[in-house]
Each structure stands twice: as C-alpha cells, then as structure tokens.
Protein backbone atom coordinates (compact mmCIF):
# COMPACT_ATOMS: atom_id res chain seq x y z
CA MET A 1 102.61 93.26 78.87
CA ASN A 2 104.51 95.59 81.14
CA GLN A 3 107.92 95.02 82.65
CA TYR A 4 108.25 94.93 86.45
CA GLU A 5 110.98 94.53 89.01
CA THR A 6 110.34 93.00 92.42
CA VAL A 7 112.86 92.98 95.23
CA PHE A 8 112.00 90.95 98.29
CA ILE A 9 113.80 90.27 101.55
CA VAL A 10 113.67 86.77 103.00
CA THR A 11 114.06 86.33 106.76
CA PRO A 12 117.63 85.47 107.83
CA VAL A 13 116.60 82.65 110.20
CA LEU A 14 116.13 80.28 107.24
CA SER A 15 118.80 77.91 106.01
CA GLU A 16 120.25 78.46 102.53
CA GLU A 17 118.08 75.64 101.19
CA GLN A 18 114.87 77.04 102.74
CA MET A 19 115.67 80.47 101.30
CA LYS A 20 116.16 79.00 97.83
CA GLU A 21 112.86 77.13 98.22
CA ALA A 22 111.07 80.42 99.01
CA VAL A 23 112.60 82.08 95.92
CA LYS A 24 111.66 79.07 93.75
CA LYS A 25 108.06 79.35 94.94
CA TYR A 26 107.77 82.85 93.45
CA GLN A 27 109.65 81.94 90.27
CA ASP A 28 107.16 79.10 89.74
CA TYR A 29 104.21 81.34 90.63
CA LEU A 30 105.23 83.88 88.01
CA ALA A 31 105.82 81.20 85.36
CA GLU A 32 102.47 79.50 86.06
CA ASN A 33 100.64 82.79 85.65
CA GLY A 34 102.12 83.67 82.27
CA ALA A 35 104.92 85.99 83.34
CA GLU A 36 108.23 85.92 81.51
CA ILE A 37 111.22 86.20 83.85
CA VAL A 38 113.75 88.49 82.18
CA HIS A 39 116.48 88.58 84.83
CA GLU A 40 117.18 87.50 88.39
CA GLU A 41 119.82 88.42 90.92
CA HIS A 42 120.50 87.03 94.35
CA TRP A 43 122.15 89.75 96.39
CA GLY A 44 122.80 87.51 99.38
CA MET A 45 122.63 88.37 103.08
CA ARG A 46 122.69 92.12 103.67
CA LYS A 47 122.27 94.42 106.63
CA LEU A 48 118.92 96.19 106.78
CA ALA A 49 118.74 99.97 107.11
CA TYR A 50 116.57 99.51 110.21
CA PRO A 51 115.35 96.47 112.16
CA ILE A 52 112.29 94.69 110.76
CA GLN A 53 110.55 92.18 113.02
CA LYS A 54 113.58 92.40 115.36
CA LYS A 55 115.91 91.28 112.55
CA SER A 56 118.82 93.37 111.30
CA THR A 57 119.76 91.30 108.22
CA GLY A 58 117.97 89.50 105.39
CA PHE A 59 118.47 87.64 102.10
CA TYR A 60 117.78 90.02 99.21
CA HIS A 61 116.50 88.74 95.86
CA LEU A 62 115.57 90.68 92.69
CA VAL A 63 113.30 89.39 89.92
CA GLU A 64 112.71 91.34 86.71
CA PHE A 65 109.78 90.05 84.67
CA LYS A 66 107.17 90.85 82.02
CA ALA A 67 103.55 90.31 83.02
CA ASP A 68 100.02 91.65 82.84
CA GLY A 69 99.15 94.28 85.43
CA ASN A 70 96.49 92.17 87.14
CA LEU A 71 99.14 89.60 88.16
CA ILE A 72 100.93 92.14 90.38
CA ALA A 73 98.11 92.38 92.94
CA ASP A 74 97.99 88.57 93.21
CA LEU A 75 101.78 88.34 93.54
CA GLU A 76 101.84 90.96 96.28
CA THR A 77 99.05 89.16 98.14
CA GLN A 78 101.14 85.97 98.04
CA LEU A 79 104.19 87.86 99.32
CA LYS A 80 102.20 89.44 102.18
CA ARG A 81 100.90 86.05 103.31
CA ASP A 82 104.32 84.39 103.34
CA GLU A 83 105.95 84.56 106.79
CA ARG A 84 109.38 84.06 105.22
CA ILE A 85 109.17 87.38 103.33
CA ILE A 86 109.80 90.37 105.61
CA ARG A 87 109.63 93.13 102.96
CA PHE A 88 109.04 93.48 99.22
CA LEU A 89 108.74 96.20 96.63
CA THR A 90 107.39 95.92 93.08
CA VAL A 91 108.10 98.66 90.56
CA LYS A 92 106.76 99.06 87.02
CA LEU A 93 109.67 99.85 84.73
CA ASP A 94 109.32 102.50 82.03
CA LYS A 95 111.26 102.29 78.75
CA HIS A 96 114.20 104.21 80.22
CA ALA A 97 114.52 101.89 83.21
CA VAL A 98 114.33 98.83 80.94
CA ALA A 99 117.07 100.26 78.72
CA TYR A 100 119.21 101.10 81.77
CA ASN A 101 118.85 97.57 83.18
CA GLU A 102 119.76 96.00 79.83
CA LYS A 103 122.80 98.28 79.51
CA LYS A 104 123.88 97.47 83.08
CA ARG A 105 123.57 93.70 82.46
CA LYS A 106 125.52 93.96 79.19
CA LYS A 107 128.29 95.91 80.92
CA ALA A 108 128.48 93.32 83.73
CA LYS A 109 128.53 90.48 81.21
CA ASP A 110 131.33 92.14 79.22
CA ALA A 111 133.34 92.74 82.41
CA ALA A 112 132.94 89.10 83.42
CA LYS A 113 134.00 87.99 79.93
CA GLU A 114 137.13 90.18 80.04
CA LYS A 115 137.99 88.89 83.51
CA SER A 116 137.70 85.27 82.39
CA GLU A 117 139.91 85.91 79.35
CA ALA A 118 142.65 87.52 81.43
C-alpha cells in the first residue's frame, strides 16, 4: 500500500454543515474501499489564486491516507463528478515526504502541548 495526500476545494456557496457532509462522503468512501486515513486537516475558507467557476474562495481540506493504487482513479472519478468539489489534487508520497509530514505533525503536536501547559 502506498501513501497518498489529497487536497480538495469545496465550493464556498455551501453551508458549514453541507461542507462537512461533502468531506464525510470522501472519508467514508476511502474507509469503505480499504484505505487507512493517516491524517486530516481542515484549512477552512481561503482565497483562491485565481477565480474558478466565478468563485474567488473555497473550503480547503487535506486527507492523507494509505491505499492501493487502483483506488486513486476511482476516488478522482468521484471527485470529478461531485459538483461541490471545484478542484482537487492527489499526490503519491515518497518515503521522504512521509517522514516530513510525520515530523511536521509531531512538531505541531509538541507546540500545542507546550501552549496548553503554559
């Protein structure tokens, strides 16, 4: 199983609840198809670098997961068909990227722990 990272942008016209529903759909899809979700981040509403479908903002969400390669094509087909998703990008992580992500998460966790103790 390889490790992948998918970032997708959900259209800003949705309510917070509808956006969470869209994210949950893909979490469930990955789980149903044997993928192991390693990490998730919701980056919130951000300004786009350029307008997409006449929209200048979107809800960004990152999912890092382990899965077989044949699942990626199916996942991307699902993302393309969903009108709520305006852009997505899936990247296969090599061992260096996996190590970097783990180090980054550990550093963020340690910083949060220190902040809560202070």
